[in-house]
N, C-alpha and C. Protein backbone atom coordinates (compact mmCIF):
# COMPACT_ATOMS: atom_id res chain seq x y z
N UNK A 1 3.28 -11.57 -2.40
CA UNK A 1 2.74 -10.86 -3.56
C UNK A 1 2.39 -11.83 -4.68
N UNK A 2 3.18 -12.89 -4.82
CA UNK A 2 2.91 -13.88 -5.85
C UNK A 2 1.56 -14.57 -5.59
N UNK A 3 1.33 -14.93 -4.33
CA UNK A 3 0.08 -15.59 -3.96
C UNK A 3 -1.10 -14.66 -4.22
N UNK A 4 -0.95 -13.41 -3.82
CA UNK A 4 -2.02 -12.42 -4.04
C UNK A 4 -2.29 -12.26 -5.53
N UNK A 5 -1.23 -12.21 -6.33
CA UNK A 5 -1.40 -12.03 -7.77
C UNK A 5 -2.14 -13.21 -8.40
N UNK A 6 -1.83 -14.42 -7.94
CA UNK A 6 -2.52 -15.61 -8.46
C UNK A 6 -4.02 -15.57 -8.12
N UNK A 7 -4.32 -15.26 -6.85
CA UNK A 7 -5.72 -15.18 -6.42
C UNK A 7 -6.44 -14.05 -7.17
N UNK A 8 -5.76 -12.91 -7.30
CA UNK A 8 -6.36 -11.76 -7.98
C UNK A 8 -6.69 -12.09 -9.44
N UNK A 9 -5.74 -12.68 -10.15
CA UNK A 9 -5.97 -13.00 -11.56
C UNK A 9 -7.10 -14.02 -11.74
N UNK A 10 -7.12 -15.03 -10.88
CA UNK A 10 -8.19 -16.03 -10.97
C UNK A 10 -9.56 -15.43 -10.66
N UNK A 11 -9.58 -14.52 -9.67
CA UNK A 11 -10.84 -13.85 -9.32
C UNK A 11 -11.32 -12.95 -10.46
N UNK A 12 -10.37 -12.20 -11.04
CA UNK A 12 -10.72 -11.31 -12.15
C UNK A 12 -11.24 -12.11 -13.35
N UNK A 13 -10.61 -13.24 -13.60
CA UNK A 13 -11.04 -14.08 -14.72
C UNK A 13 -12.44 -14.63 -14.49
N UNK A 14 -12.68 -15.14 -13.27
CA UNK A 14 -13.97 -15.76 -12.96
C UNK A 14 -15.09 -14.72 -12.94
N UNK A 15 -14.90 -13.66 -12.15
CA UNK A 15 -15.96 -12.67 -12.00
C UNK A 15 -16.05 -11.74 -13.21
N UNK A 16 -14.93 -11.58 -13.93
CA UNK A 16 -14.97 -10.81 -15.16
C UNK A 16 -15.85 -11.46 -16.20
N UNK A 17 -15.80 -12.80 -16.27
CA UNK A 17 -16.63 -13.54 -17.22
C UNK A 17 -18.12 -13.37 -16.92
N UNK A 18 -18.43 -13.07 -15.67
CA UNK A 18 -19.82 -12.87 -15.27
C UNK A 18 -20.27 -11.42 -15.41
N UNK A 19 -19.35 -10.55 -15.82
CA UNK A 19 -19.63 -9.12 -15.94
C UNK A 19 -19.65 -8.71 -17.42
N UNK A 20 -20.03 -7.46 -17.70
CA UNK A 20 -20.02 -6.99 -19.11
C UNK A 20 -18.61 -6.84 -19.69
N UNK A 21 -17.57 -6.91 -18.86
CA UNK A 21 -16.21 -6.66 -19.32
C UNK A 21 -15.52 -7.91 -19.87
N UNK A 22 -16.02 -9.09 -19.56
CA UNK A 22 -15.39 -10.32 -20.02
C UNK A 22 -14.16 -10.68 -19.20
N UNK A 23 -13.47 -11.74 -19.60
CA UNK A 23 -12.31 -12.24 -18.83
C UNK A 23 -11.05 -11.40 -19.02
N UNK A 24 -10.78 -10.98 -20.25
CA UNK A 24 -9.48 -10.40 -20.56
C UNK A 24 -9.31 -8.95 -20.11
N UNK A 25 -10.35 -8.14 -20.22
CA UNK A 25 -10.24 -6.72 -19.88
C UNK A 25 -9.86 -6.51 -18.41
N UNK A 26 -10.54 -7.13 -17.45
CA UNK A 26 -10.15 -6.93 -16.05
C UNK A 26 -8.70 -7.34 -15.76
N UNK A 27 -8.25 -8.45 -16.33
CA UNK A 27 -6.87 -8.91 -16.09
C UNK A 27 -5.87 -7.93 -16.69
N UNK A 28 -6.15 -7.43 -17.90
CA UNK A 28 -5.25 -6.47 -18.54
C UNK A 28 -5.17 -5.18 -17.74
N UNK A 29 -6.31 -4.67 -17.30
CA UNK A 29 -6.34 -3.42 -16.52
C UNK A 29 -5.66 -3.59 -15.17
N UNK A 30 -5.88 -4.73 -14.54
CA UNK A 30 -5.24 -5.00 -13.25
C UNK A 30 -3.73 -5.02 -13.40
N UNK A 31 -3.24 -5.58 -14.50
CA UNK A 31 -1.80 -5.60 -14.75
C UNK A 31 -1.23 -4.21 -14.86
N UNK A 32 -1.95 -3.31 -15.53
CA UNK A 32 -1.50 -1.92 -15.67
C UNK A 32 -1.46 -1.23 -14.31
N UNK A 33 -2.53 -1.39 -13.55
CA UNK A 33 -2.61 -0.74 -12.24
C UNK A 33 -1.50 -1.25 -11.33
N UNK A 34 -1.23 -2.54 -11.34
CA UNK A 34 -0.19 -3.11 -10.49
C UNK A 34 1.19 -2.59 -10.88
N UNK A 35 1.44 -2.49 -12.17
CA UNK A 35 2.75 -1.99 -12.63
C UNK A 35 2.96 -0.55 -12.21
N UNK A 36 1.93 0.28 -12.38
CA UNK A 36 2.03 1.69 -12.01
C UNK A 36 2.18 1.84 -10.50
N UNK A 37 1.40 1.06 -9.74
CA UNK A 37 1.48 1.16 -8.28
C UNK A 37 2.82 0.68 -7.75
N UNK A 38 3.45 -0.26 -8.45
CA UNK A 38 4.78 -0.74 -8.04
C UNK A 38 5.82 0.36 -8.16
N UNK A 39 5.69 1.22 -9.18
CA UNK A 39 6.61 2.35 -9.31
C UNK A 39 6.45 3.28 -8.11
N UNK A 40 5.20 3.59 -7.78
CA UNK A 40 4.91 4.45 -6.63
C UNK A 40 5.43 3.83 -5.34
N UNK A 41 5.16 2.53 -5.13
CA UNK A 41 5.57 1.87 -3.90
C UNK A 41 7.09 1.75 -3.80
N UNK A 42 7.76 1.58 -4.93
CA UNK A 42 9.22 1.49 -4.92
C UNK A 42 9.85 2.78 -4.40
N UNK A 43 9.27 3.92 -4.79
CA UNK A 43 9.78 5.21 -4.32
C UNK A 43 9.58 5.32 -2.81
N UNK A 44 8.39 4.96 -2.34
CA UNK A 44 8.09 5.05 -0.91
C UNK A 44 8.99 4.11 -0.10
N UNK A 45 9.18 2.89 -0.59
CA UNK A 45 10.05 1.93 0.10
C UNK A 45 11.49 2.46 0.13
N UNK A 46 11.92 3.07 -0.97
CA UNK A 46 13.26 3.66 -1.01
C UNK A 46 13.44 4.75 0.02
N UNK A 47 12.41 5.56 0.21
CA UNK A 47 12.47 6.62 1.24
C UNK A 47 12.62 5.99 2.62
N UNK A 48 11.83 4.96 2.89
CA UNK A 48 11.91 4.28 4.19
C UNK A 48 13.28 3.66 4.41
N UNK A 49 13.81 3.00 3.39
CA UNK A 49 15.12 2.36 3.53
C UNK A 49 16.24 3.39 3.67
N UNK A 50 16.04 4.57 3.09
CA UNK A 50 17.04 5.62 3.22
C UNK A 50 17.21 6.12 4.64
N UNK A 51 16.14 6.03 5.43
CA UNK A 51 16.21 6.47 6.83
C UNK A 51 16.69 5.37 7.77
N UNK A 52 16.77 4.14 7.27
CA UNK A 52 17.09 2.99 8.13
C UNK A 52 18.41 3.15 8.89
N UNK A 53 19.53 3.49 8.22
CA UNK A 53 20.78 3.62 8.98
C UNK A 53 20.74 4.75 10.01
N UNK A 54 20.02 5.82 9.70
CA UNK A 54 19.91 6.95 10.64
C UNK A 54 19.13 6.51 11.88
N UNK A 55 18.00 5.84 11.66
CA UNK A 55 17.19 5.38 12.78
C UNK A 55 17.93 4.33 13.61
N UNK A 56 18.59 3.40 12.94
CA UNK A 56 19.31 2.33 13.65
C UNK A 56 20.43 2.89 14.52
N UNK A 57 21.24 3.74 13.93
CA UNK A 57 22.39 4.29 14.66
C UNK A 57 21.93 5.10 15.88
N UNK A 58 20.97 5.98 15.67
CA UNK A 58 20.53 6.85 16.76
C UNK A 58 19.73 6.11 17.83
N UNK A 59 19.01 5.06 17.43
CA UNK A 59 18.30 4.27 18.44
C UNK A 59 19.31 3.54 19.32
N UNK A 60 20.34 2.99 18.69
CA UNK A 60 21.39 2.31 19.46
C UNK A 60 22.15 3.27 20.37
N UNK A 61 22.29 4.52 19.92
CA UNK A 61 23.01 5.53 20.71
C UNK A 61 22.12 6.18 21.76
N UNK A 62 20.84 5.83 21.76
CA UNK A 62 19.92 6.41 22.73
C UNK A 62 19.46 7.81 22.36
N UNK A 63 19.70 8.22 21.12
CA UNK A 63 19.27 9.54 20.66
C UNK A 63 17.87 9.40 20.04
N UNK A 64 16.88 9.25 20.91
CA UNK A 64 15.53 8.93 20.46
C UNK A 64 14.85 10.08 19.73
N UNK A 65 15.22 11.30 20.07
CA UNK A 65 14.65 12.46 19.37
C UNK A 65 15.05 12.44 17.90
N UNK A 66 16.29 12.03 17.63
CA UNK A 66 16.75 11.96 16.24
C UNK A 66 16.04 10.82 15.49
N UNK A 67 15.75 9.74 16.18
CA UNK A 67 15.01 8.63 15.58
C UNK A 67 13.62 9.11 15.15
N UNK A 68 12.95 9.82 16.05
CA UNK A 68 11.61 10.34 15.72
C UNK A 68 11.66 11.34 14.57
N UNK A 69 12.70 12.16 14.58
CA UNK A 69 12.84 13.15 13.52
C UNK A 69 13.02 12.48 12.15
N UNK A 70 13.87 11.45 12.10
CA UNK A 70 14.09 10.73 10.84
C UNK A 70 12.81 10.07 10.36
N UNK A 71 12.06 9.47 11.29
CA UNK A 71 10.80 8.82 10.94
C UNK A 71 9.79 9.84 10.42
N UNK A 72 9.71 11.00 11.09
CA UNK A 72 8.78 12.04 10.65
C UNK A 72 9.15 12.57 9.26
N UNK A 73 10.44 12.72 9.00
CA UNK A 73 10.88 13.19 7.69
C UNK A 73 10.52 12.19 6.59
N UNK A 74 10.68 10.90 6.91
CA UNK A 74 10.30 9.86 5.95
C UNK A 74 8.79 9.90 5.68
N UNK A 75 8.00 10.10 6.74
CA UNK A 75 6.55 10.20 6.57
C UNK A 75 6.18 11.41 5.72
N UNK A 76 6.85 12.52 5.94
CA UNK A 76 6.56 13.74 5.19
C UNK A 76 6.84 13.53 3.70
N UNK A 77 8.01 12.97 3.39
CA UNK A 77 8.38 12.72 2.00
C UNK A 77 7.46 11.68 1.36
N UNK A 78 7.21 10.58 2.10
CA UNK A 78 6.32 9.54 1.59
C UNK A 78 4.90 10.04 1.39
N UNK A 79 4.45 10.89 2.31
CA UNK A 79 3.11 11.48 2.19
C UNK A 79 2.98 12.36 0.96
N UNK A 80 4.03 13.13 0.67
CA UNK A 80 4.01 14.00 -0.52
C UNK A 80 3.92 13.17 -1.80
N UNK A 81 4.72 12.10 -1.87
CA UNK A 81 4.67 11.21 -3.03
C UNK A 81 3.30 10.56 -3.15
N UNK A 82 2.75 10.13 -2.02
CA UNK A 82 1.45 9.46 -2.02
C UNK A 82 0.33 10.38 -2.48
N UNK A 83 0.36 11.63 -2.03
CA UNK A 83 -0.68 12.58 -2.44
C UNK A 83 -0.59 12.89 -3.93
N UNK A 84 0.63 13.03 -4.43
CA UNK A 84 0.82 13.27 -5.87
C UNK A 84 0.31 12.08 -6.69
N UNK A 85 0.62 10.87 -6.21
CA UNK A 85 0.16 9.67 -6.91
C UNK A 85 -1.36 9.55 -6.85
N UNK A 86 -1.93 9.85 -5.68
CA UNK A 86 -3.39 9.81 -5.53
C UNK A 86 -4.07 10.75 -6.53
N UNK A 87 -3.52 11.96 -6.66
CA UNK A 87 -4.09 12.93 -7.60
C UNK A 87 -4.03 12.40 -9.03
N UNK A 88 -2.91 11.80 -9.40
CA UNK A 88 -2.78 11.24 -10.75
C UNK A 88 -3.78 10.12 -10.99
N UNK A 89 -3.89 9.21 -10.02
CA UNK A 89 -4.77 8.05 -10.19
C UNK A 89 -6.24 8.45 -10.27
N UNK A 90 -6.60 9.55 -9.59
CA UNK A 90 -7.99 9.98 -9.58
C UNK A 90 -8.33 10.90 -10.75
N UNK A 91 -7.37 11.72 -11.19
CA UNK A 91 -7.64 12.75 -12.19
C UNK A 91 -7.34 12.31 -13.62
N UNK A 92 -6.28 11.52 -13.82
CA UNK A 92 -5.89 11.17 -15.19
C UNK A 92 -5.69 9.66 -15.37
N UNK A 93 -6.58 8.83 -14.86
CA UNK A 93 -6.38 7.38 -15.04
C UNK A 93 -6.44 6.96 -16.51
N UNK A 94 -7.30 7.62 -17.30
CA UNK A 94 -7.43 7.26 -18.72
C UNK A 94 -6.12 7.50 -19.47
N UNK A 95 -5.47 8.62 -19.17
CA UNK A 95 -4.20 8.93 -19.83
C UNK A 95 -3.12 7.94 -19.45
N UNK A 96 -3.13 7.50 -18.20
CA UNK A 96 -2.15 6.51 -17.76
C UNK A 96 -2.38 5.18 -18.48
N UNK A 97 -3.64 4.77 -18.56
CA UNK A 97 -3.99 3.51 -19.22
C UNK A 97 -3.59 3.56 -20.70
N UNK A 98 -3.79 4.72 -21.32
CA UNK A 98 -3.50 4.87 -22.76
C UNK A 98 -2.01 4.69 -23.06
N UNK A 99 -1.16 4.92 -22.07
CA UNK A 99 0.28 4.72 -22.27
C UNK A 99 0.62 3.26 -22.58
N UNK A 100 -0.26 2.35 -22.15
CA UNK A 100 0.00 0.92 -22.32
C UNK A 100 -0.66 0.35 -23.58
N UNK A 101 -1.35 1.19 -24.33
CA UNK A 101 -1.98 0.71 -25.56
C UNK A 101 -3.44 1.09 -25.65
N UNK A 102 -3.98 0.99 -26.85
CA UNK A 102 -5.37 1.33 -27.10
C UNK A 102 -6.28 0.15 -26.76
N UNK A 103 -7.56 0.46 -26.55
CA UNK A 103 -8.52 -0.58 -26.26
C UNK A 103 -9.94 -0.12 -26.52
N UNK A 104 -10.88 -0.96 -26.19
CA UNK A 104 -12.30 -0.66 -26.39
C UNK A 104 -12.81 0.31 -25.34
N UNK A 105 -14.05 0.74 -25.51
CA UNK A 105 -14.66 1.63 -24.53
C UNK A 105 -14.76 0.94 -23.17
N UNK A 106 -15.07 -0.37 -23.19
CA UNK A 106 -15.17 -1.13 -21.94
C UNK A 106 -13.81 -1.23 -21.24
N UNK A 107 -12.77 -1.34 -22.04
CA UNK A 107 -11.39 -1.40 -21.51
C UNK A 107 -11.06 -0.14 -20.73
N UNK A 108 -11.34 1.01 -21.34
CA UNK A 108 -11.07 2.28 -20.66
C UNK A 108 -11.99 2.49 -19.46
N UNK A 109 -13.24 2.08 -19.61
CA UNK A 109 -14.20 2.24 -18.52
C UNK A 109 -13.76 1.46 -17.28
N UNK A 110 -13.40 0.20 -17.49
CA UNK A 110 -13.00 -0.62 -16.34
C UNK A 110 -11.65 -0.16 -15.80
N UNK A 111 -10.74 0.22 -16.69
CA UNK A 111 -9.42 0.69 -16.24
C UNK A 111 -9.52 1.93 -15.35
N UNK A 112 -10.35 2.89 -15.77
CA UNK A 112 -10.53 4.09 -14.95
C UNK A 112 -11.18 3.75 -13.62
N UNK A 113 -12.16 2.89 -13.67
CA UNK A 113 -12.84 2.46 -12.44
C UNK A 113 -11.89 1.75 -11.49
N UNK A 114 -11.03 0.90 -12.08
CA UNK A 114 -10.07 0.14 -11.27
C UNK A 114 -9.10 1.10 -10.58
N UNK A 115 -8.56 2.05 -11.33
CA UNK A 115 -7.63 3.02 -10.76
C UNK A 115 -8.30 3.80 -9.63
N UNK A 116 -9.47 4.33 -9.89
CA UNK A 116 -10.11 5.24 -8.93
C UNK A 116 -10.57 4.53 -7.66
N UNK A 117 -11.02 3.29 -7.78
CA UNK A 117 -11.51 2.57 -6.59
C UNK A 117 -10.39 1.80 -5.90
N UNK A 118 -9.71 0.93 -6.64
CA UNK A 118 -8.69 0.06 -6.03
C UNK A 118 -7.56 0.87 -5.40
N UNK A 119 -7.21 2.02 -6.01
CA UNK A 119 -6.10 2.84 -5.51
C UNK A 119 -6.59 4.07 -4.75
N UNK A 120 -7.81 4.02 -4.22
CA UNK A 120 -8.40 5.19 -3.57
C UNK A 120 -7.59 5.66 -2.35
N UNK A 121 -7.07 4.73 -1.59
CA UNK A 121 -6.30 5.10 -0.39
C UNK A 121 -4.79 5.09 -0.64
N UNK A 122 -4.42 5.40 -1.89
CA UNK A 122 -3.00 5.59 -2.18
C UNK A 122 -2.41 6.66 -1.27
N UNK A 123 -3.23 7.64 -0.90
CA UNK A 123 -2.76 8.73 -0.04
C UNK A 123 -2.33 8.25 1.34
N UNK A 124 -2.70 7.01 1.71
CA UNK A 124 -2.29 6.45 3.01
C UNK A 124 -1.25 5.34 2.87
N UNK A 125 -0.95 4.95 1.64
CA UNK A 125 -0.12 3.76 1.42
C UNK A 125 1.34 3.92 1.83
N UNK A 126 1.75 5.13 2.12
CA UNK A 126 3.13 5.34 2.56
C UNK A 126 3.34 4.90 4.01
N UNK A 127 2.28 4.84 4.79
CA UNK A 127 2.41 4.57 6.23
C UNK A 127 2.96 3.18 6.51
N UNK A 128 2.40 2.17 5.85
CA UNK A 128 2.79 0.79 6.16
C UNK A 128 4.23 0.46 5.81
N UNK A 129 4.72 0.73 4.58
CA UNK A 129 6.12 0.37 4.28
C UNK A 129 7.15 1.17 5.07
N UNK A 130 6.89 2.46 5.28
CA UNK A 130 7.85 3.28 6.04
C UNK A 130 7.89 2.85 7.50
N UNK A 131 6.72 2.52 8.06
CA UNK A 131 6.68 2.08 9.45
C UNK A 131 7.27 0.69 9.61
N UNK A 132 7.08 -0.17 8.61
CA UNK A 132 7.71 -1.49 8.63
C UNK A 132 9.22 -1.37 8.71
N UNK A 133 9.79 -0.50 7.88
CA UNK A 133 11.23 -0.27 7.89
C UNK A 133 11.68 0.34 9.21
N UNK A 134 10.87 1.20 9.77
CA UNK A 134 11.17 1.81 11.06
C UNK A 134 11.34 0.75 12.15
N UNK A 135 10.42 -0.20 12.21
CA UNK A 135 10.52 -1.24 13.23
C UNK A 135 11.75 -2.13 13.01
N UNK A 136 12.04 -2.43 11.77
CA UNK A 136 13.25 -3.20 11.47
C UNK A 136 14.49 -2.44 11.90
N UNK A 137 14.48 -1.12 11.69
CA UNK A 137 15.63 -0.28 12.01
C UNK A 137 15.95 -0.25 13.50
N UNK A 138 14.91 -0.31 14.32
CA UNK A 138 15.14 -0.21 15.77
C UNK A 138 15.20 -1.59 16.44
N UNK A 139 15.31 -2.63 15.63
CA UNK A 139 15.49 -3.97 16.17
C UNK A 139 14.22 -4.68 16.58
N UNK A 140 13.06 -4.16 16.14
CA UNK A 140 11.78 -4.80 16.45
C UNK A 140 11.31 -5.57 15.21
N UNK A 141 12.09 -6.61 14.87
CA UNK A 141 11.88 -7.32 13.61
C UNK A 141 10.51 -8.01 13.54
N UNK A 142 10.04 -8.55 14.67
CA UNK A 142 8.76 -9.27 14.66
C UNK A 142 7.62 -8.33 14.29
N UNK A 143 7.62 -7.14 14.90
CA UNK A 143 6.60 -6.15 14.56
C UNK A 143 6.70 -5.75 13.10
N UNK A 144 7.94 -5.61 12.63
CA UNK A 144 8.15 -5.24 11.24
C UNK A 144 7.62 -6.29 10.28
N UNK A 145 7.86 -7.56 10.59
CA UNK A 145 7.39 -8.65 9.73
C UNK A 145 5.86 -8.71 9.73
N UNK A 146 5.26 -8.62 10.91
CA UNK A 146 3.79 -8.66 11.00
C UNK A 146 3.17 -7.52 10.21
N UNK A 147 3.73 -6.32 10.40
CA UNK A 147 3.20 -5.15 9.70
C UNK A 147 3.37 -5.26 8.19
N UNK A 148 4.49 -5.85 7.76
CA UNK A 148 4.73 -6.00 6.33
C UNK A 148 3.72 -6.94 5.67
N UNK A 149 3.12 -7.82 6.47
CA UNK A 149 2.16 -8.78 5.95
C UNK A 149 0.73 -8.28 6.00
N UNK A 150 0.49 -7.15 6.68
CA UNK A 150 -0.89 -6.72 6.91
C UNK A 150 -1.66 -6.47 5.62
N UNK A 151 -1.10 -5.66 4.73
CA UNK A 151 -1.89 -5.30 3.54
C UNK A 151 -2.10 -6.48 2.60
N UNK A 152 -1.02 -7.14 2.20
CA UNK A 152 -1.13 -8.16 1.16
C UNK A 152 -1.75 -9.46 1.65
N UNK A 153 -1.28 -9.95 2.80
CA UNK A 153 -1.68 -11.29 3.25
C UNK A 153 -2.84 -11.25 4.24
N UNK A 154 -2.70 -10.47 5.29
CA UNK A 154 -3.69 -10.50 6.38
C UNK A 154 -5.01 -9.87 5.96
N UNK A 155 -4.96 -8.77 5.20
CA UNK A 155 -6.20 -8.07 4.83
C UNK A 155 -6.63 -8.30 3.38
N UNK A 156 -5.72 -8.05 2.42
CA UNK A 156 -6.13 -8.09 1.01
C UNK A 156 -6.54 -9.48 0.54
N UNK A 157 -5.77 -10.49 0.89
CA UNK A 157 -6.05 -11.84 0.39
C UNK A 157 -7.44 -12.34 0.79
N UNK A 158 -7.83 -12.27 2.07
CA UNK A 158 -9.19 -12.71 2.42
C UNK A 158 -10.27 -11.86 1.74
N UNK A 159 -10.02 -10.55 1.63
CA UNK A 159 -11.01 -9.67 1.01
C UNK A 159 -11.21 -10.00 -0.47
N UNK A 160 -10.12 -10.37 -1.16
CA UNK A 160 -10.22 -10.74 -2.57
C UNK A 160 -11.07 -11.99 -2.77
N UNK A 161 -11.10 -12.83 -1.75
CA UNK A 161 -11.89 -14.06 -1.84
C UNK A 161 -13.34 -13.81 -1.42
N UNK A 162 -13.55 -13.04 -0.34
CA UNK A 162 -14.87 -12.91 0.25
C UNK A 162 -15.76 -11.86 -0.41
N UNK A 163 -15.21 -10.66 -0.67
CA UNK A 163 -16.05 -9.58 -1.19
C UNK A 163 -16.69 -9.90 -2.54
N UNK A 164 -15.96 -10.49 -3.51
CA UNK A 164 -16.60 -10.79 -4.79
C UNK A 164 -17.76 -11.77 -4.67
N UNK A 165 -17.74 -12.61 -3.64
CA UNK A 165 -18.86 -13.53 -3.44
C UNK A 165 -20.16 -12.78 -3.18
N UNK A 166 -20.00 -11.59 -2.59
CA UNK A 166 -21.19 -10.81 -2.23
C UNK A 166 -21.59 -9.83 -3.33
N UNK A 167 -20.59 -9.14 -3.94
CA UNK A 167 -20.94 -8.06 -4.88
C UNK A 167 -20.26 -8.21 -6.25
N UNK A 168 -19.78 -9.41 -6.56
CA UNK A 168 -19.21 -9.66 -7.87
C UNK A 168 -17.86 -8.99 -8.08
N UNK A 169 -17.59 -8.58 -9.32
CA UNK A 169 -16.26 -8.05 -9.65
C UNK A 169 -15.96 -6.74 -8.92
N UNK A 170 -17.00 -6.00 -8.54
CA UNK A 170 -16.78 -4.78 -7.77
C UNK A 170 -16.13 -5.08 -6.41
N UNK A 171 -16.38 -6.28 -5.90
CA UNK A 171 -15.76 -6.67 -4.63
C UNK A 171 -14.25 -6.69 -4.71
N UNK A 172 -13.72 -7.07 -5.88
CA UNK A 172 -12.27 -7.08 -6.09
C UNK A 172 -11.74 -5.65 -6.03
N UNK A 173 -12.47 -4.72 -6.64
CA UNK A 173 -12.04 -3.32 -6.65
C UNK A 173 -12.03 -2.74 -5.25
N UNK A 174 -13.05 -3.02 -4.47
CA UNK A 174 -13.15 -2.44 -3.13
C UNK A 174 -12.24 -3.14 -2.11
N UNK A 175 -11.76 -4.32 -2.45
CA UNK A 175 -10.82 -5.02 -1.55
C UNK A 175 -9.54 -4.20 -1.36
N UNK A 176 -9.10 -3.53 -2.42
CA UNK A 176 -7.86 -2.74 -2.36
C UNK A 176 -7.91 -1.62 -1.34
N UNK A 177 -8.86 -0.67 -1.46
CA UNK A 177 -8.89 0.43 -0.50
C UNK A 177 -9.18 0.00 0.94
N UNK A 178 -9.99 -1.03 1.11
CA UNK A 178 -10.26 -1.51 2.47
C UNK A 178 -8.98 -2.05 3.10
N UNK A 179 -8.22 -2.85 2.34
CA UNK A 179 -6.96 -3.39 2.83
C UNK A 179 -5.96 -2.27 3.12
N UNK A 180 -5.91 -1.27 2.24
CA UNK A 180 -5.01 -0.14 2.44
C UNK A 180 -5.35 0.61 3.73
N UNK A 181 -6.63 0.85 3.95
CA UNK A 181 -7.06 1.58 5.15
C UNK A 181 -6.73 0.80 6.42
N UNK A 182 -7.03 -0.50 6.42
CA UNK A 182 -6.76 -1.32 7.60
C UNK A 182 -5.26 -1.41 7.89
N UNK A 183 -4.44 -1.52 6.83
CA UNK A 183 -2.99 -1.58 7.01
C UNK A 183 -2.46 -0.27 7.57
N UNK A 184 -3.01 0.85 7.10
CA UNK A 184 -2.59 2.16 7.61
C UNK A 184 -2.96 2.32 9.08
N UNK A 185 -4.16 1.88 9.44
CA UNK A 185 -4.60 1.95 10.85
C UNK A 185 -3.68 1.09 11.73
N UNK A 186 -3.36 -0.11 11.26
CA UNK A 186 -2.46 -0.99 12.02
C UNK A 186 -1.09 -0.34 12.21
N UNK A 187 -0.58 0.31 11.16
CA UNK A 187 0.72 0.98 11.25
C UNK A 187 0.68 2.11 12.26
N UNK A 188 -0.38 2.91 12.24
CA UNK A 188 -0.51 4.04 13.17
C UNK A 188 -0.58 3.55 14.61
N UNK A 189 -1.37 2.50 14.85
CA UNK A 189 -1.52 1.98 16.21
C UNK A 189 -0.20 1.42 16.75
N UNK A 190 0.49 0.64 15.91
CA UNK A 190 1.76 0.04 16.35
C UNK A 190 2.83 1.09 16.60
N UNK A 191 2.92 2.07 15.72
CA UNK A 191 3.98 3.08 15.89
C UNK A 191 3.65 4.02 17.04
N UNK A 192 2.37 4.29 17.29
CA UNK A 192 1.99 5.13 18.42
C UNK A 192 2.40 4.47 19.74
N UNK A 193 2.17 3.15 19.83
CA UNK A 193 2.57 2.40 21.02
C UNK A 193 4.09 2.43 21.18
N UNK A 194 4.81 2.27 20.06
CA UNK A 194 6.27 2.26 20.11
C UNK A 194 6.83 3.62 20.49
N UNK A 195 6.22 4.68 20.03
CA UNK A 195 6.67 6.03 20.38
C UNK A 195 6.49 6.30 21.87
N UNK A 196 5.42 5.76 22.45
CA UNK A 196 5.24 5.90 23.90
C UNK A 196 6.34 5.17 24.66
N UNK A 197 6.69 3.97 24.19
CA UNK A 197 7.78 3.22 24.81
C UNK A 197 9.10 3.98 24.69
N UNK A 198 9.30 4.63 23.54
CA UNK A 198 10.53 5.38 23.33
C UNK A 198 10.61 6.58 24.28
N UNK A 199 9.47 7.20 24.52
CA UNK A 199 9.42 8.32 25.48
C UNK A 199 9.81 7.85 26.88
N UNK A 200 9.33 6.63 27.24
CA UNK A 200 9.68 6.08 28.55
C UNK A 200 11.18 5.82 28.66
N UNK A 201 11.76 5.27 27.59
CA UNK A 201 13.21 5.04 27.57
C UNK A 201 13.98 6.36 27.69
N UNK A 202 13.44 7.39 27.05
CA UNK A 202 14.06 8.71 27.11
C UNK A 202 14.05 9.27 28.53
N UNK A 203 12.91 9.08 29.21
CA UNK A 203 12.80 9.54 30.59
C UNK A 203 13.73 8.77 31.53
N UNK A 204 13.82 7.46 31.30
CA UNK A 204 14.73 6.65 32.12
C UNK A 204 16.18 7.06 31.93
N UNK A 205 16.52 7.37 30.70
CA UNK A 205 17.88 7.79 30.40
C UNK A 205 18.21 9.13 31.05
N UNK A 206 17.24 10.04 31.02
CA UNK A 206 17.47 11.37 31.60
C UNK A 206 17.48 11.31 33.14
């Protein structure tokens, strides 16, 4: 996250200077969006970690149905939080930005734009952290580590470098939802494969 933040700030400064918003407005708005999104992500991560002992114990005991149930419950709770956050980010971004202080018309314009575009796939952001914890819980640490790196390192970091080269500061905004979507797809594919393996273990046990 530190590396991503450094690249993000440098990109915002460089491409912001080439835009009508200047250097400072994009960096200030990005800081607000990151702080707000961290609150949302902390709740989702907490939900995933809350299911970890349940998933670990039941996977070790061979109670695979209970493992799936705990994972589904975490997805349901995380999905509800994500949808509520998505609605807030899309409907009242100006009010959220105003909580952090007053600014110019350009400040509010870019802040609203940043919230609505960069956080567009907030509704899917629960999948990656909850699934990462799921893999850790069942002893598949390598899959968990790889999945934990998908959004920030594997997808977001290259996009933050490449997209602005093509479309300027808007490329930074669109890097967020693209990375979120790709990370969600990776989580779904990995967990679907793991669930099939779990079904096979269940059949062997029976």
